[in-house]
Amino acid sequence: MDYSNEPSGVFLLIDNKSFYATVECSMRGLDPLTTPLVVMSEASNTGGGLVLASSPMAKKLFHISNVNRKRDLPNDERLIVVPPRMNLYIQKNIEVNHIFNQYCADEDLLPYSIDESILDITHSWQLFGNNILQVIRKIQKQVKDELGLITTVGLGNNPLQAKIALDIYAKHNSEFIGVITNRTVKTKIWTIPEITDVWGINARTKANLSRLGIHNM
């Protein structure tokens, strides 16, 4: 297929990495990338609570994920366990989107969830740098300097490309930036080995696609 004539905007999908845990680290003056911290609910009907978020280091050291319960946590003095503060996270979401709004018009900023936003910077990015990657790094630095948050960024010619670039590539490199364009769809999307790794495709959708003879991207 020839994607060269497809619509070509400049879209960012920005994720606040391990958002709740990162906010808690930043409020305590701790490095969110090196501090093992989990945000734990206190619901009595879940066996003492559920992990709502874990920092990258908590995942690395203790393999903690959001399916863990309190009883699954290791008895290790390095691990910091804190209760959730939803009003704080909502306020930080407002603050980070205020920063994003400095780089695009109101109608081009689309909050997607409490920790992800879509930015259409097709018509504005050149105001802030000589190339798009320079602008992305500027946004990442501003968010970290002002709020102590770590942002992961997917870049694409449309929001879906940006989302796949975020999930498949940005979350697994040192710069936390992933890029997919119309020109790289074949190499960056078609080659994804597991179809359920792609946003919007769960096991049921995979089964339905399989019945239609569609087994890969």
C-alpha atoms as a PDB file:
ATOM      1  CA  MET A   1       0.000   0.000   0.000  1.00  0.00           C
ATOM      2  CA  ASP A   2       1.072   3.586  -0.683  1.00  0.00           C
ATOM      3  CA  TYR A   3       0.593   5.787   2.375  1.00  0.00           C
ATOM      4  CA  SER A   4       2.299   8.855   0.864  1.00  0.00           C
ATOM      5  CA  ASN A   5      -0.999  10.563  -0.010  1.00  0.00           C
ATOM      6  CA  GLU A   6      -2.656   9.950   3.360  1.00  0.00           C
ATOM      7  CA  PRO A   7      -3.453  12.995   5.542  1.00  0.00           C
ATOM      8  CA  SER A   8      -0.295  14.000   7.388  1.00  0.00           C
ATOM      9  CA  GLY A   9      -0.550  15.995  10.591  1.00  0.00           C
ATOM     10  CA  VAL A  10       1.802  16.184  13.559  1.00  0.00           C
ATOM     11  CA  PHE A  11       0.264  14.525  16.619  1.00  0.00           C
ATOM     12  CA  LEU A  12       1.712  13.765  20.025  1.00  0.00           C
ATOM     13  CA  LEU A  13       0.244  11.303  22.476  1.00  0.00           C
ATOM     14  CA  ILE A  14       1.869  12.095  25.814  1.00  0.00           C
ATOM     15  CA  ASP A  15       1.708   9.744  28.788  1.00  0.00           C
ATOM     16  CA  ASN A  16       2.698  10.702  32.316  1.00  0.00           C
ATOM     17  CA  LYS A  17       4.829   7.688  33.201  1.00  0.00           C
ATOM     18  CA  SER A  18       3.504   5.702  36.209  1.00  0.00           C
ATOM     19  CA  PHE A  19       1.464   8.816  36.950  1.00  0.00           C
ATOM     20  CA  TYR A  20       0.165   8.280  40.494  1.00  0.00           C
ATOM     21  CA  ALA A  21       3.483   6.847  41.689  1.00  0.00           C
ATOM     22  CA  THR A  22       5.492   9.587  39.984  1.00  0.00           C
ATOM     23  CA  VAL A  23       3.341  12.302  41.555  1.00  0.00           C
ATOM     24  CA  GLU A  24       3.869  10.747  44.979  1.00  0.00           C
ATOM     25  CA  CYS A  25       7.637  10.610  44.416  1.00  0.00           C
ATOM     26  CA  SER A  26       7.798  14.214  43.233  1.00  0.00           C
ATOM     27  CA  MET A  27       5.763  15.443  46.229  1.00  0.00           C
ATOM     28  CA  ARG A  28       8.320  13.768  48.507  1.00  0.00           C
ATOM     29  CA  GLY A  29      11.352  15.138  46.657  1.00  0.00           C
ATOM     30  CA  LEU A  30      12.276  11.647  45.428  1.00  0.00           C
ATOM     31  CA  ASP A  31      13.514  10.622  41.993  1.00  0.00           C
ATOM     32  CA  PRO A  32      10.547   8.865  40.322  1.00  0.00           C
ATOM     33  CA  LEU A  33      12.851   6.744  38.145  1.00  0.00           C
ATOM     34  CA  THR A  34      15.009   5.366  40.962  1.00  0.00           C
ATOM     35  CA  THR A  35      12.591   5.200  43.911  1.00  0.00           C
ATOM     36  CA  PRO A  36      10.647   1.959  44.505  1.00  0.00           C
ATOM     37  CA  LEU A  37       7.174   3.223  45.440  1.00  0.00           C
ATOM     38  CA  VAL A  38       3.650   1.876  45.062  1.00  0.00           C
ATOM     39  CA  VAL A  39       0.276   3.552  45.497  1.00  0.00           C
ATOM     40  CA  MET A  40      -1.963   1.098  47.339  1.00  0.00           C
ATOM     41  CA  SER A  41      -5.734   1.319  47.773  1.00  0.00           C
ATOM     42  CA  GLU A  42      -7.132   0.586  51.216  1.00  0.00           C
ATOM     43  CA  ALA A  43     -10.311  -1.267  50.278  1.00  0.00           C
ATOM     44  CA  SER A  44     -11.132  -3.960  52.830  1.00  0.00           C
ATOM     45  CA  ASN A  45     -12.898  -6.150  50.258  1.00  0.00           C
ATOM     46  CA  THR A  46      -9.691  -6.691  48.266  1.00  0.00           C
ATOM     47  CA  GLY A  47      -7.642  -8.438  50.902  1.00  0.00           C
ATOM     48  CA  GLY A  48      -5.991  -5.291  52.233  1.00  0.00           C
ATOM     49  CA  GLY A  49      -5.937  -3.244  49.051  1.00  0.00           C
ATOM     50  CA  LEU A  50      -4.802  -3.262  45.437  1.00  0.00           C
ATOM     51  CA  VAL A  51      -1.784  -1.697  43.778  1.00  0.00           C
ATOM     52  CA  LEU A  52      -3.051   1.279  41.764  1.00  0.00           C
ATOM     53  CA  ALA A  53       0.354   2.319  40.445  1.00  0.00           C
ATOM     54  CA  SER A  54       3.969   1.330  40.841  1.00  0.00           C
ATOM     55  CA  SER A  55       7.087   3.275  39.983  1.00  0.00           C
ATOM     56  CA  PRO A  56       9.476   1.970  37.298  1.00  0.00           C
ATOM     57  CA  MET A  57      11.962   0.912  39.979  1.00  0.00           C
ATOM     58  CA  ALA A  58       9.276  -0.949  41.962  1.00  0.00           C
ATOM     59  CA  LYS A  59       8.447  -2.850  38.783  1.00  0.00           C
ATOM     60  CA  LYS A  60      12.112  -3.558  38.085  1.00  0.00           C
ATOM     61  CA  LEU A  61      13.175  -4.619  41.577  1.00  0.00           C
ATOM     62  CA  PHE A  62      10.057  -6.398  42.783  1.00  0.00           C
ATOM     63  CA  HIS A  63       8.054  -7.121  39.595  1.00  0.00           C
ATOM     64  CA  ILE A  64       5.050  -5.314  41.057  1.00  0.00           C
ATOM     65  CA  SER A  65       2.116  -4.650  38.742  1.00  0.00           C
ATOM     66  CA  ASN A  66      -1.413  -3.311  39.042  1.00  0.00           C
ATOM     67  CA  VAL A  67      -2.820  -6.807  39.541  1.00  0.00           C
ATOM     68  CA  ASN A  68      -0.960  -7.271  42.828  1.00  0.00           C
ATOM     69  CA  ARG A  69      -2.674  -7.136  46.203  1.00  0.00           C
ATOM     70  CA  LYS A  70      -1.184  -5.947  49.456  1.00  0.00           C
ATOM     71  CA  ARG A  71      -0.330  -9.494  50.507  1.00  0.00           C
ATOM     72  CA  ASP A  72       1.766  -9.874  47.317  1.00  0.00           C
ATOM     73  CA  LEU A  73       4.160  -7.056  48.214  1.00  0.00           C
ATOM     74  CA  PRO A  74       7.629  -8.019  49.429  1.00  0.00           C
ATOM     75  CA  ASN A  75       8.679  -7.274  52.987  1.00  0.00           C
ATOM     76  CA  ASP A  76      11.516  -4.973  51.948  1.00  0.00           C
ATOM     77  CA  GLU A  77      12.410  -1.732  53.710  1.00  0.00           C
ATOM     78  CA  ARG A  78      13.352  -0.126  50.404  1.00  0.00           C
ATOM     79  CA  LEU A  79       9.757  -0.264  49.171  1.00  0.00           C
ATOM     80  CA  ILE A  80       7.608   2.780  49.967  1.00  0.00           C
ATOM     81  CA  VAL A  81       3.857   2.119  50.137  1.00  0.00           C
ATOM     82  CA  VAL A  82       1.473   5.097  50.138  1.00  0.00           C
ATOM     83  CA  PRO A  83      -2.315   5.579  49.944  1.00  0.00           C
ATOM     84  CA  PRO A  84      -3.892   7.253  46.888  1.00  0.00           C
ATOM     85  CA  ARG A  85      -4.672  10.971  46.767  1.00  0.00           C
ATOM     86  CA  MET A  86      -7.047  11.324  43.830  1.00  0.00           C
ATOM     87  CA  ASN A  87      -7.666  15.052  44.238  1.00  0.00           C
ATOM     88  CA  LEU A  88      -3.909  15.608  44.039  1.00  0.00           C
ATOM     89  CA  TYR A  89      -3.635  13.543  40.849  1.00  0.00           C
ATOM     90  CA  ILE A  90      -6.511  15.458  39.256  1.00  0.00           C
ATOM     91  CA  GLN A  91      -4.796  18.746  40.134  1.00  0.00           C
ATOM     92  CA  LYS A  92      -1.499  17.542  38.637  1.00  0.00           C
ATOM     93  CA  ASN A  93      -3.354  16.450  35.500  1.00  0.00           C
ATOM     94  CA  ILE A  94      -4.723  19.984  35.178  1.00  0.00           C
ATOM     95  CA  GLU A  95      -1.255  21.447  35.681  1.00  0.00           C
ATOM     96  CA  VAL A  96       0.434  19.211  33.115  1.00  0.00           C
ATOM     97  CA  ASN A  97      -2.270  19.936  30.544  1.00  0.00           C
ATOM     98  CA  HIS A  98      -1.748  23.635  31.203  1.00  0.00           C
ATOM     99  CA  ILE A  99       1.857  23.134  30.084  1.00  0.00           C
ATOM    100  CA  PHE A 100       0.743  21.204  27.001  1.00  0.00           C
ATOM    101  CA  ASN A 101      -1.668  24.043  26.197  1.00  0.00           C
ATOM    102  CA  GLN A 102       1.313  26.359  25.797  1.00  0.00           C
ATOM    103  CA  TYR A 103       2.277  24.388  22.683  1.00  0.00           C
ATOM    104  CA  CYS A 104      -1.096  24.207  20.914  1.00  0.00           C
ATOM    105  CA  ALA A 105      -4.479  25.918  20.718  1.00  0.00           C
ATOM    106  CA  ASP A 106      -7.287  24.963  23.100  1.00  0.00           C
ATOM    107  CA  GLU A 107      -9.131  23.010  20.410  1.00  0.00           C
ATOM    108  CA  ASP A 108      -5.973  21.050  19.570  1.00  0.00           C
ATOM    109  CA  LEU A 109      -5.446  19.718  23.103  1.00  0.00           C
ATOM    110  CA  LEU A 110      -7.463  16.578  23.823  1.00  0.00           C
ATOM    111  CA  PRO A 111      -7.100  15.081  27.335  1.00  0.00           C
ATOM    112  CA  TYR A 112      -7.551  11.347  26.773  1.00  0.00           C
ATOM    113  CA  SER A 113      -7.382  10.082  30.353  1.00  0.00           C
ATOM    114  CA  ILE A 114      -6.008  11.221  33.700  1.00  0.00           C
ATOM    115  CA  ASP A 115      -2.471  10.433  32.518  1.00  0.00           C
ATOM    116  CA  GLU A 116      -2.597  10.755  28.702  1.00  0.00           C
ATOM    117  CA  SER A 117      -3.252  13.665  26.348  1.00  0.00           C
ATOM    118  CA  ILE A 118      -3.348  14.095  22.577  1.00  0.00           C
ATOM    119  CA  LEU A 119      -1.757  17.232  21.137  1.00  0.00           C
ATOM    120  CA  ASP A 120      -2.303  18.297  17.526  1.00  0.00           C
ATOM    121  CA  ILE A 121       0.724  20.522  16.976  1.00  0.00           C
ATOM    122  CA  THR A 122       0.549  20.441  13.176  1.00  0.00           C
ATOM    123  CA  HIS A 123       0.242  24.219  12.958  1.00  0.00           C
ATOM    124  CA  SER A 124       2.211  25.282  16.025  1.00  0.00           C
ATOM    125  CA  TRP A 125       5.329  23.165  16.595  1.00  0.00           C
ATOM    126  CA  GLN A 126       7.574  25.375  14.435  1.00  0.00           C
ATOM    127  CA  LEU A 127       7.040  28.194  16.929  1.00  0.00           C
ATOM    128  CA  PHE A 128       9.062  26.252  19.511  1.00  0.00           C
ATOM    129  CA  GLY A 129      11.997  24.618  17.737  1.00  0.00           C
ATOM    130  CA  ASN A 130      13.808  23.818  14.529  1.00  0.00           C
ATOM    131  CA  ASN A 131      12.619  20.196  14.418  1.00  0.00           C
ATOM    132  CA  ILE A 132       9.849  18.207  16.028  1.00  0.00           C
ATOM    133  CA  LEU A 133      12.105  16.073  18.238  1.00  0.00           C
ATOM    134  CA  GLN A 134      13.620  19.238  19.700  1.00  0.00           C
ATOM    135  CA  VAL A 135      10.118  20.437  20.579  1.00  0.00           C
ATOM    136  CA  ILE A 136       9.221  17.092  22.195  1.00  0.00           C
ATOM    137  CA  ARG A 137      12.341  17.186  24.348  1.00  0.00           C
ATOM    138  CA  LYS A 138      11.489  20.780  25.332  1.00  0.00           C
ATOM    139  CA  ILE A 139       8.021  19.697  26.494  1.00  0.00           C
ATOM    140  CA  GLN A 140       9.475  16.749  28.425  1.00  0.00           C
ATOM    141  CA  LYS A 141      12.031  18.996  30.136  1.00  0.00           C
ATOM    142  CA  GLN A 142       9.458  21.640  31.061  1.00  0.00           C
ATOM    143  CA  VAL A 143       7.120  19.086  32.622  1.00  0.00           C
ATOM    144  CA  LYS A 144       9.977  17.533  34.594  1.00  0.00           C
ATOM    145  CA  ASP A 145      11.430  20.875  35.717  1.00  0.00           C
ATOM    146  CA  GLU A 146       8.094  22.394  36.764  1.00  0.00           C
ATOM    147  CA  LEU A 147       6.172  19.361  38.052  1.00  0.00           C
ATOM    148  CA  GLY A 148       8.744  16.604  38.579  1.00  0.00           C
ATOM    149  CA  LEU A 149       6.830  14.304  36.217  1.00  0.00           C
ATOM    150  CA  ILE A 150       8.287  11.995  33.579  1.00  0.00           C
ATOM    151  CA  THR A 151       6.577  12.051  30.188  1.00  0.00           C
ATOM    152  CA  THR A 152       6.620   9.412  27.471  1.00  0.00           C
ATOM    153  CA  VAL A 153       5.757  10.665  23.991  1.00  0.00           C
ATOM    154  CA  GLY A 154       4.454   8.989  20.845  1.00  0.00           C
ATOM    155  CA  LEU A 155       4.719  10.983  17.608  1.00  0.00           C
ATOM    156  CA  GLY A 156       2.665  10.215  14.513  1.00  0.00           C
ATOM    157  CA  ASN A 157       0.976  11.679  11.454  1.00  0.00           C
ATOM    158  CA  ASN A 158      -2.368  10.839  13.089  1.00  0.00           C
ATOM    159  CA  PRO A 159      -3.483  10.048  16.652  1.00  0.00           C
ATOM    160  CA  LEU A 160      -3.500   6.261  16.125  1.00  0.00           C
ATOM    161  CA  GLN A 161       0.095   6.255  14.899  1.00  0.00           C
ATOM    162  CA  ALA A 162       1.032   8.393  17.902  1.00  0.00           C
ATOM    163  CA  LYS A 163      -0.709   5.991  20.306  1.00  0.00           C
ATOM    164  CA  ILE A 164       0.994   2.921  18.822  1.00  0.00           C
ATOM    165  CA  ALA A 165       4.352   4.737  18.819  1.00  0.00           C
ATOM    166  CA  LEU A 166       3.818   5.516  22.509  1.00  0.00           C
ATOM    167  CA  ASP A 167       2.820   2.004  23.574  1.00  0.00           C
ATOM    168  CA  ILE A 168       5.162  -0.069  21.410  1.00  0.00           C
ATOM    169  CA  TYR A 169       8.282   2.077  21.104  1.00  0.00           C
ATOM    170  CA  ALA A 170       8.429   5.127  23.430  1.00  0.00           C
ATOM    171  CA  LYS A 171       7.963   3.132  26.628  1.00  0.00           C
ATOM    172  CA  HIS A 172      10.969   0.955  25.819  1.00  0.00           C
ATOM    173  CA  ASN A 173      13.784   3.389  25.014  1.00  0.00           C
ATOM    174  CA  SER A 174      15.923   5.735  27.077  1.00  0.00           C
ATOM    175  CA  GLU A 175      14.511   8.973  25.618  1.00  0.00           C
ATOM    176  CA  PHE A 176      10.888   7.884  26.116  1.00  0.00           C
ATOM    177  CA  ILE A 177      10.090   8.969  22.542  1.00  0.00           C
ATOM    178  CA  GLY A 178       8.613   6.791  19.791  1.00  0.00           C
ATOM    179  CA  VAL A 179       7.926   7.800  16.201  1.00  0.00           C
ATOM    180  CA  ILE A 180       5.671   6.374  13.479  1.00  0.00           C
ATOM    181  CA  THR A 181       4.918   8.237  10.246  1.00  0.00           C
ATOM    182  CA  ASN A 182       3.081   7.407   7.043  1.00  0.00           C
ATOM    183  CA  ARG A 183       6.436   6.451   5.543  1.00  0.00           C
ATOM    184  CA  THR A 184       7.287   3.985   8.330  1.00  0.00           C
ATOM    185  CA  VAL A 185       3.940   2.203   8.751  1.00  0.00           C
ATOM    186  CA  LYS A 186       5.256  -0.934   7.025  1.00  0.00           C
ATOM    187  CA  THR A 187       8.358  -1.174   9.221  1.00  0.00           C
ATOM    188  CA  LYS A 188       6.883   0.092  12.501  1.00  0.00           C
ATOM    189  CA  ILE A 189       3.288  -1.249  12.494  1.00  0.00           C
ATOM    190  CA  TRP A 190       3.149  -4.197  10.125  1.00  0.00           C
ATOM    191  CA  THR A 191       6.053  -5.851  11.960  1.00  0.00           C
ATOM    192  CA  ILE A 192       4.509  -5.761  15.462  1.00  0.00           C
ATOM    193  CA  PRO A 193       4.693  -9.448  16.460  1.00  0.00           C
ATOM    194  CA  GLU A 194       1.707  -9.677  18.808  1.00  0.00           C
ATOM    195  CA  ILE A 195      -1.503  -8.142  17.485  1.00  0.00           C
ATOM    196  CA  THR A 196      -2.959  -7.658  20.986  1.00  0.00           C
ATOM    197  CA  ASP A 197      -0.084  -5.302  21.844  1.00  0.00           C
ATOM    198  CA  VAL A 198      -1.832  -2.740  19.634  1.00  0.00           C
ATOM    199  CA  TRP A 199      -4.266  -0.320  21.257  1.00  0.00           C
ATOM    200  CA  GLY A 200      -7.878  -1.369  20.776  1.00  0.00           C
ATOM    201  CA  ILE A 201      -7.181  -5.036  19.998  1.00  0.00           C
ATOM    202  CA  ASN A 202      -7.993  -7.386  22.881  1.00  0.00           C
ATOM    203  CA  ALA A 203      -8.240 -11.173  22.888  1.00  0.00           C
ATOM    204  CA  ARG A 204     -11.858 -11.131  21.687  1.00  0.00           C
ATOM    205  CA  THR A 205     -11.062  -8.760  18.819  1.00  0.00           C
ATOM    206  CA  LYS A 206      -8.064 -10.923  17.930  1.00  0.00           C
ATOM    207  CA  ALA A 207     -10.348 -13.973  17.731  1.00  0.00           C
ATOM    208  CA  ASN A 208     -12.839 -12.114  15.521  1.00  0.00           C
ATOM    209  CA  LEU A 209     -10.048 -10.953  13.226  1.00  0.00           C
ATOM    210  CA  SER A 210      -8.660 -14.471  13.074  1.00  0.00           C
ATOM    211  CA  ARG A 211     -12.023 -15.774  11.847  1.00  0.00           C
ATOM    212  CA  LEU A 212     -11.746 -13.217   9.035  1.00  0.00           C
ATOM    213  CA  GLY A 213      -8.306 -14.520   8.124  1.00  0.00           C
ATOM    214  CA  ILE A 214      -6.445 -11.577   9.722  1.00  0.00           C
ATOM    215  CA  HIS A 215      -3.627 -12.822  11.959  1.00  0.00           C
ATOM    216  CA  ASN A 216      -1.104  -9.959  12.080  1.00  0.00           C
ATOM    217  CA  MET A 217      -0.873  -6.249  11.549  1.00  0.00           C
END
